Amino acid sequence: MGTPGAEGEPKRVSRRFPLLTEDTARPEGGGRAAASDAPAPARQWPVIAVISLVAVGLLLTAIDVFRVGTLLIGVALIGGAVLRWTLPSVGMLAVRSRFTDMLTYGFLGVVIVLLALMVQPRPWLVIPFLNDTLHFTIS
């Protein structure tokens, strides 16, 4: 059946999820990025900007401009971290707490950029100790 709510009426309890959940906290900064009377794309412009850059990067990667496309994907994630840090409301770009979102977007963006710079052949970034480490572990 149900447990009594604030007004004394029984609350509905799901058989699938027996624990009662009153409400889920919205992520910090999870409000709309524009006024509620603005059209949907304007309210969610931060996430649309990041997804658009990632889509362009994936398209470039698909048409064999791998390094530039992958760099664009990493830069988009780093841009998402910067947007999450600077804007008070970023809409659906806010998934977790501000710190966790910034750390996740930033870390993944930096790793993707570094990997794109080190991709073979003719890497744009050479880190000598990684090559030595690879030869040491294989031989």
N, C-alpha and C. Protein backbone atom coordinates (compact mmCIF):
# COMPACT_ATOMS: atom_id res chain seq x y z
N MET A 1 0.85 -1.18 0.00
CA MET A 1 0.00 0.00 0.00
C MET A 1 0.89 1.24 0.00
N GLY A 2 0.93 1.97 1.07
CA GLY A 2 1.75 3.16 1.08
C GLY A 2 1.94 3.68 2.48
N THR A 3 2.92 4.50 2.62
CA THR A 3 3.17 5.15 3.90
C THR A 3 2.51 6.52 3.85
N PRO A 4 2.11 7.03 4.99
CA PRO A 4 1.43 8.34 4.98
C PRO A 4 2.39 9.44 4.57
N GLY A 5 1.89 10.35 3.75
CA GLY A 5 2.67 11.50 3.32
C GLY A 5 2.52 12.66 4.28
N ALA A 6 2.92 13.84 3.85
CA ALA A 6 2.87 15.02 4.70
C ALA A 6 1.44 15.41 5.04
N GLU A 7 0.51 15.19 4.10
CA GLU A 7 -0.89 15.55 4.35
C GLU A 7 -1.67 14.40 4.98
N GLY A 8 -1.03 13.28 5.24
CA GLY A 8 -1.70 12.15 5.86
C GLY A 8 -2.25 11.15 4.87
N GLU A 9 -2.20 11.46 3.55
CA GLU A 9 -2.68 10.51 2.56
C GLU A 9 -1.58 9.48 2.29
N PRO A 10 -1.99 8.28 1.96
CA PRO A 10 -0.96 7.26 1.67
C PRO A 10 -0.26 7.57 0.35
N LYS A 11 1.06 7.38 0.36
CA LYS A 11 1.85 7.56 -0.85
C LYS A 11 1.90 6.25 -1.60
N ARG A 12 1.98 6.34 -2.89
CA ARG A 12 2.08 5.15 -3.70
C ARG A 12 3.49 4.58 -3.63
N VAL A 13 3.61 3.31 -3.38
CA VAL A 13 4.91 2.67 -3.32
C VAL A 13 4.99 1.69 -4.48
N SER A 14 6.03 1.78 -5.24
CA SER A 14 6.21 0.89 -6.38
C SER A 14 6.69 -0.47 -5.90
N ARG A 15 6.19 -1.52 -6.55
CA ARG A 15 6.68 -2.86 -6.21
C ARG A 15 8.09 -3.07 -6.76
N ARG A 16 8.40 -2.37 -7.83
CA ARG A 16 9.73 -2.50 -8.42
C ARG A 16 10.79 -1.83 -7.57
N PHE A 17 10.49 -0.67 -7.07
CA PHE A 17 11.43 0.10 -6.27
C PHE A 17 10.78 0.40 -4.92
N PRO A 18 10.95 -0.46 -3.95
CA PRO A 18 10.22 -0.29 -2.70
C PRO A 18 10.68 0.91 -1.86
N LEU A 19 11.89 1.41 -2.09
CA LEU A 19 12.36 2.54 -1.31
C LEU A 19 11.71 3.82 -1.83
N LEU A 20 11.29 4.64 -0.93
CA LEU A 20 10.66 5.90 -1.32
C LEU A 20 11.72 6.94 -1.64
N THR A 21 11.56 7.59 -2.75
CA THR A 21 12.44 8.68 -3.13
C THR A 21 11.57 9.91 -3.28
N GLU A 22 11.80 10.87 -2.43
CA GLU A 22 11.00 12.08 -2.46
C GLU A 22 11.32 12.91 -3.70
N ASP A 23 12.59 13.17 -3.94
CA ASP A 23 12.98 14.01 -5.05
C ASP A 23 14.45 13.77 -5.32
N THR A 24 14.87 14.05 -6.52
CA THR A 24 16.27 13.94 -6.87
C THR A 24 16.84 15.33 -6.96
N ALA A 25 17.98 15.53 -6.35
CA ALA A 25 18.60 16.85 -6.37
C ALA A 25 19.14 17.14 -7.77
N ARG A 26 18.83 18.32 -8.28
CA ARG A 26 19.38 18.74 -9.56
C ARG A 26 20.84 19.07 -9.38
N PRO A 27 21.69 18.80 -10.37
CA PRO A 27 23.10 19.15 -10.23
C PRO A 27 23.28 20.65 -10.05
N GLU A 28 24.31 21.01 -9.34
CA GLU A 28 24.61 22.41 -9.15
C GLU A 28 24.85 23.05 -10.51
N GLY A 29 24.13 24.10 -10.83
CA GLY A 29 24.26 24.74 -12.14
C GLY A 29 23.38 24.10 -13.19
N GLY A 30 22.48 23.20 -12.78
CA GLY A 30 21.67 22.48 -13.73
C GLY A 30 20.46 23.23 -14.22
N GLY A 31 20.32 24.48 -13.85
CA GLY A 31 19.19 25.27 -14.33
C GLY A 31 19.37 25.64 -15.79
N ARG A 32 18.36 26.26 -16.36
CA ARG A 32 18.44 26.66 -17.76
C ARG A 32 19.50 27.73 -17.95
N ALA A 33 20.14 27.70 -19.11
CA ALA A 33 21.18 28.69 -19.41
C ALA A 33 20.58 29.98 -19.96
N ALA A 34 19.28 29.99 -20.20
CA ALA A 34 18.58 31.19 -20.66
C ALA A 34 17.20 31.21 -19.99
N ALA A 35 16.47 32.28 -20.19
CA ALA A 35 15.15 32.42 -19.57
C ALA A 35 14.20 31.33 -20.06
N SER A 36 13.20 31.01 -19.26
CA SER A 36 12.28 29.92 -19.60
C SER A 36 11.42 30.22 -20.81
N ASP A 37 11.27 31.50 -21.18
CA ASP A 37 10.47 31.82 -22.36
C ASP A 37 11.29 31.76 -23.64
N ALA A 38 12.59 31.54 -23.54
CA ALA A 38 13.44 31.41 -24.72
C ALA A 38 13.22 30.05 -25.36
N PRO A 39 13.47 29.91 -26.66
CA PRO A 39 13.31 28.61 -27.30
C PRO A 39 14.31 27.60 -26.75
N ALA A 40 14.00 26.33 -26.89
CA ALA A 40 14.80 25.25 -26.30
C ALA A 40 16.29 25.32 -26.68
N PRO A 41 16.66 25.54 -27.94
CA PRO A 41 18.10 25.60 -28.24
C PRO A 41 18.82 26.72 -27.49
N ALA A 42 18.15 27.85 -27.28
CA ALA A 42 18.78 28.95 -26.55
C ALA A 42 18.95 28.60 -25.08
N ARG A 43 18.03 27.82 -24.53
CA ARG A 43 18.13 27.45 -23.12
C ARG A 43 19.25 26.46 -22.88
N GLN A 44 19.60 25.68 -23.89
CA GLN A 44 20.60 24.62 -23.72
C GLN A 44 21.84 24.87 -24.58
N TRP A 45 22.18 26.12 -24.84
CA TRP A 45 23.29 26.41 -25.75
C TRP A 45 24.63 25.85 -25.30
N PRO A 46 24.96 25.74 -23.99
CA PRO A 46 26.27 25.18 -23.66
C PRO A 46 26.43 23.72 -24.12
N VAL A 47 25.44 22.89 -23.86
CA VAL A 47 25.56 21.49 -24.26
C VAL A 47 25.48 21.36 -25.78
N ILE A 48 24.70 22.20 -26.44
CA ILE A 48 24.61 22.16 -27.90
C ILE A 48 25.95 22.56 -28.51
N ALA A 49 26.64 23.53 -27.93
CA ALA A 49 27.95 23.94 -28.44
C ALA A 49 28.96 22.80 -28.32
N VAL A 50 28.99 22.15 -27.16
CA VAL A 50 29.95 21.05 -26.95
C VAL A 50 29.63 19.88 -27.89
N ILE A 51 28.36 19.51 -27.98
CA ILE A 51 27.98 18.38 -28.84
C ILE A 51 28.25 18.71 -30.31
N SER A 52 28.05 19.96 -30.72
CA SER A 52 28.31 20.34 -32.11
C SER A 52 29.79 20.22 -32.45
N LEU A 53 30.64 20.68 -31.54
CA LEU A 53 32.08 20.55 -31.78
C LEU A 53 32.51 19.08 -31.82
N VAL A 54 31.96 18.27 -30.94
CA VAL A 54 32.28 16.84 -30.96
C VAL A 54 31.79 16.22 -32.27
N ALA A 55 30.62 16.60 -32.74
CA ALA A 55 30.09 16.06 -34.00
C ALA A 55 30.98 16.45 -35.18
N VAL A 56 31.44 17.69 -35.22
CA VAL A 56 32.36 18.12 -36.29
C VAL A 56 33.66 17.33 -36.19
N GLY A 57 34.16 17.13 -34.97
CA GLY A 57 35.38 16.34 -34.79
C GLY A 57 35.20 14.90 -35.26
N LEU A 58 34.06 14.30 -34.96
CA LEU A 58 33.79 12.94 -35.42
C LEU A 58 33.67 12.88 -36.94
N LEU A 59 33.06 13.90 -37.53
CA LEU A 59 32.95 13.95 -38.98
C LEU A 59 34.33 14.06 -39.62
N LEU A 60 35.19 14.93 -39.09
CA LEU A 60 36.55 15.06 -39.60
C LEU A 60 37.32 13.75 -39.45
N THR A 61 37.12 13.08 -38.33
CA THR A 61 37.78 11.80 -38.12
C THR A 61 37.29 10.77 -39.13
N ALA A 62 36.01 10.79 -39.45
CA ALA A 62 35.44 9.83 -40.39
C ALA A 62 35.92 10.08 -41.82
N ILE A 63 36.21 11.33 -42.17
CA ILE A 63 36.67 11.60 -43.54
C ILE A 63 38.20 11.64 -43.60
N ASP A 64 38.84 10.97 -42.67
CA ASP A 64 40.28 10.72 -42.69
C ASP A 64 41.14 11.94 -42.36
N VAL A 65 40.62 12.84 -41.57
CA VAL A 65 41.44 13.91 -40.99
C VAL A 65 41.49 13.62 -39.49
N PHE A 66 42.09 12.47 -39.18
CA PHE A 66 42.01 11.89 -37.84
C PHE A 66 42.55 12.81 -36.76
N ARG A 67 43.77 13.31 -36.96
CA ARG A 67 44.41 14.09 -35.89
C ARG A 67 43.63 15.37 -35.58
N VAL A 68 43.21 16.09 -36.59
CA VAL A 68 42.49 17.34 -36.38
C VAL A 68 41.12 17.06 -35.76
N GLY A 69 40.44 16.03 -36.23
CA GLY A 69 39.13 15.68 -35.67
C GLY A 69 39.22 15.29 -34.21
N THR A 70 40.24 14.49 -33.88
CA THR A 70 40.40 14.07 -32.49
C THR A 70 40.79 15.24 -31.60
N LEU A 71 41.64 16.13 -32.13
CA LEU A 71 41.98 17.34 -31.37
C LEU A 71 40.72 18.18 -31.09
N LEU A 72 39.85 18.28 -32.08
CA LEU A 72 38.62 19.06 -31.90
C LEU A 72 37.72 18.44 -30.83
N ILE A 73 37.66 17.12 -30.78
CA ILE A 73 36.86 16.45 -29.75
C ILE A 73 37.43 16.77 -28.36
N GLY A 74 38.75 16.69 -28.21
CA GLY A 74 39.38 17.00 -26.93
C GLY A 74 39.18 18.46 -26.53
N VAL A 75 39.31 19.35 -27.50
CA VAL A 75 39.11 20.78 -27.22
C VAL A 75 37.66 21.05 -26.83
N ALA A 76 36.71 20.34 -27.45
CA ALA A 76 35.30 20.50 -27.08
C ALA A 76 35.07 20.11 -25.62
N LEU A 77 35.69 19.02 -25.18
CA LEU A 77 35.52 18.59 -23.79
C LEU A 77 36.18 19.59 -22.83
N ILE A 78 37.35 20.10 -23.21
CA ILE A 78 38.00 21.11 -22.36
C ILE A 78 37.13 22.37 -22.32
N GLY A 79 36.53 22.72 -23.47
CA GLY A 79 35.60 23.86 -23.50
C GLY A 79 34.39 23.62 -22.61
N GLY A 80 33.90 22.37 -22.57
CA GLY A 80 32.80 22.04 -21.67
C GLY A 80 33.19 22.23 -20.21
N ALA A 81 34.42 21.88 -19.87
CA ALA A 81 34.90 22.08 -18.50
C ALA A 81 34.98 23.58 -18.17
N VAL A 82 35.44 24.37 -19.14
CA VAL A 82 35.54 25.82 -18.91
C VAL A 82 34.15 26.43 -18.77
N LEU A 83 33.21 26.00 -19.63
CA LEU A 83 31.84 26.50 -19.50
C LEU A 83 31.24 26.14 -18.15
N ARG A 84 31.50 24.92 -17.72
CA ARG A 84 30.96 24.45 -16.42
C ARG A 84 31.54 25.25 -15.27
N TRP A 85 32.79 25.69 -15.42
CA TRP A 85 33.46 26.45 -14.37
C TRP A 85 32.98 27.90 -14.34
N THR A 86 32.76 28.49 -15.53
CA THR A 86 32.50 29.93 -15.57
C THR A 86 31.02 30.30 -15.49
N LEU A 87 30.14 29.49 -16.04
CA LEU A 87 28.73 29.86 -16.09
C LEU A 87 27.97 29.35 -14.87
N PRO A 88 27.06 30.16 -14.32
CA PRO A 88 26.28 29.70 -13.17
C PRO A 88 25.25 28.63 -13.53
N SER A 89 24.70 28.71 -14.74
CA SER A 89 23.72 27.72 -15.20
C SER A 89 24.11 27.25 -16.59
N VAL A 90 24.29 25.94 -16.74
CA VAL A 90 24.72 25.40 -18.03
C VAL A 90 23.73 24.39 -18.59
N GLY A 91 22.56 24.31 -18.00
CA GLY A 91 21.53 23.40 -18.52
C GLY A 91 21.95 21.95 -18.39
N MET A 92 21.78 21.20 -19.48
CA MET A 92 22.03 19.76 -19.45
C MET A 92 23.51 19.41 -19.47
N LEU A 93 24.39 20.39 -19.58
CA LEU A 93 25.82 20.14 -19.46
C LEU A 93 26.17 19.77 -18.02
N ALA A 94 25.34 20.19 -17.08
CA ALA A 94 25.53 19.84 -15.68
C ALA A 94 24.96 18.44 -15.44
N VAL A 95 25.84 17.52 -15.11
CA VAL A 95 25.41 16.14 -14.87
C VAL A 95 25.59 15.79 -13.40
N ARG A 96 26.72 16.16 -12.85
CA ARG A 96 27.03 15.87 -11.46
C ARG A 96 27.31 17.20 -10.76
N SER A 97 28.09 17.17 -9.70
CA SER A 97 28.46 18.43 -9.05
C SER A 97 29.41 19.19 -9.98
N ARG A 98 29.53 20.49 -9.76
CA ARG A 98 30.39 21.32 -10.60
C ARG A 98 31.83 20.80 -10.62
N PHE A 99 32.36 20.46 -9.46
CA PHE A 99 33.74 19.98 -9.38
C PHE A 99 33.92 18.68 -10.16
N THR A 100 33.00 17.74 -9.99
CA THR A 100 33.12 16.45 -10.68
C THR A 100 32.99 16.63 -12.19
N ASP A 101 32.05 17.46 -12.64
CA ASP A 101 31.91 17.72 -14.07
C ASP A 101 33.18 18.35 -14.64
N MET A 102 33.70 19.36 -13.97
CA MET A 102 34.92 20.01 -14.46
C MET A 102 36.08 19.03 -14.51
N LEU A 103 36.23 18.23 -13.48
CA LEU A 103 37.32 17.25 -13.44
C LEU A 103 37.16 16.22 -14.55
N THR A 104 35.96 15.72 -14.75
CA THR A 104 35.72 14.69 -15.76
C THR A 104 35.92 15.24 -17.16
N TYR A 105 35.26 16.35 -17.49
CA TYR A 105 35.40 16.94 -18.82
C TYR A 105 36.85 17.34 -19.09
N GLY A 106 37.46 17.99 -18.12
CA GLY A 106 38.84 18.45 -18.30
C GLY A 106 39.82 17.31 -18.47
N PHE A 107 39.73 16.29 -17.62
CA PHE A 107 40.66 15.16 -17.69
C PHE A 107 40.53 14.42 -19.02
N LEU A 108 39.28 14.10 -19.40
CA LEU A 108 39.08 13.39 -20.66
C LEU A 108 39.52 14.24 -21.85
N GLY A 109 39.26 15.54 -21.81
CA GLY A 109 39.69 16.42 -22.89
C GLY A 109 41.20 16.48 -23.02
N VAL A 110 41.91 16.61 -21.91
CA VAL A 110 43.38 16.67 -21.95
C VAL A 110 43.95 15.34 -22.44
N VAL A 111 43.41 14.22 -21.98
CA VAL A 111 43.90 12.91 -22.42
C VAL A 111 43.68 12.74 -23.92
N ILE A 112 42.51 13.11 -24.42
CA ILE A 112 42.24 12.98 -25.86
C ILE A 112 43.16 13.88 -26.67
N VAL A 113 43.39 15.11 -26.21
CA VAL A 113 44.30 16.01 -26.92
C VAL A 113 45.72 15.44 -26.93
N LEU A 114 46.20 14.95 -25.80
CA LEU A 114 47.56 14.39 -25.75
C LEU A 114 47.69 13.17 -26.65
N LEU A 115 46.69 12.30 -26.63
CA LEU A 115 46.74 11.13 -27.51
C LEU A 115 46.69 11.54 -28.98
N ALA A 116 45.92 12.56 -29.31
CA ALA A 116 45.86 13.03 -30.69
C ALA A 116 47.20 13.62 -31.12
N LEU A 117 47.89 14.28 -30.21
CA LEU A 117 49.20 14.85 -30.55
C LEU A 117 50.28 13.78 -30.69
N MET A 118 50.11 12.63 -30.03
CA MET A 118 51.14 11.59 -30.06
C MET A 118 50.85 10.47 -31.05
N VAL A 119 49.75 10.55 -31.81
CA VAL A 119 49.38 9.47 -32.71
C VAL A 119 50.42 9.32 -33.83
N GLN A 120 50.67 8.08 -34.21
CA GLN A 120 51.65 7.77 -35.26
C GLN A 120 50.96 7.79 -36.61
N PRO A 121 51.58 8.00 -37.71
CA PRO A 121 52.99 8.34 -37.90
C PRO A 121 53.22 9.84 -37.76
N ARG A 122 54.44 10.21 -37.62
CA ARG A 122 54.87 11.60 -37.45
C ARG A 122 54.10 12.31 -36.34
N PRO A 123 54.31 11.92 -35.10
CA PRO A 123 53.60 12.58 -33.99
C PRO A 123 54.02 14.03 -33.85
N TRP A 124 53.08 14.87 -33.44
CA TRP A 124 53.37 16.28 -33.20
C TRP A 124 53.99 16.48 -31.82
N LEU A 125 53.81 15.51 -30.94
CA LEU A 125 54.36 15.58 -29.58
C LEU A 125 55.07 14.27 -29.30
N VAL A 126 56.34 14.37 -28.93
CA VAL A 126 57.13 13.18 -28.60
C VAL A 126 57.57 13.29 -27.15
N ILE A 127 57.21 12.30 -26.37
CA ILE A 127 57.62 12.25 -24.97
C ILE A 127 58.62 11.10 -24.85
N PRO A 128 59.92 11.42 -24.71
CA PRO A 128 60.96 10.39 -24.79
C PRO A 128 60.83 9.28 -23.75
N PHE A 129 60.47 9.60 -22.52
CA PHE A 129 60.44 8.56 -21.50
C PHE A 129 59.35 7.52 -21.77
N LEU A 130 58.31 7.88 -22.52
CA LEU A 130 57.29 6.89 -22.86
C LEU A 130 57.84 5.84 -23.81
N ASN A 131 58.66 6.28 -24.77
CA ASN A 131 59.28 5.35 -25.70
C ASN A 131 60.24 4.42 -24.96
N ASP A 132 61.03 4.97 -24.04
CA ASP A 132 61.94 4.14 -23.25
C ASP A 132 61.17 3.16 -22.38
N THR A 133 60.08 3.60 -21.80
CA THR A 133 59.26 2.73 -20.96
C THR A 133 58.69 1.58 -21.78
N LEU A 134 58.23 1.87 -22.97
CA LEU A 134 57.68 0.84 -23.84
C LEU A 134 58.75 -0.20 -24.18
N HIS A 135 59.95 0.26 -24.55
CA HIS A 135 61.01 -0.68 -24.89
C HIS A 135 61.46 -1.49 -23.67
N PHE A 136 61.43 -0.88 -22.50
CA PHE A 136 61.82 -1.59 -21.28
C PHE A 136 60.82 -2.66 -20.92
N THR A 137 59.54 -2.41 -21.09
CA THR A 137 58.52 -3.38 -20.70
C THR A 137 58.41 -4.53 -21.70
N ILE A 138 58.70 -4.27 -22.97
CA ILE A 138 58.59 -5.31 -23.99
C ILE A 138 59.79 -6.23 -23.98
N SER A 139 61.01 -5.68 -23.81
CA SER A 139 62.21 -6.53 -23.87
C SER A 139 62.56 -7.15 -22.55
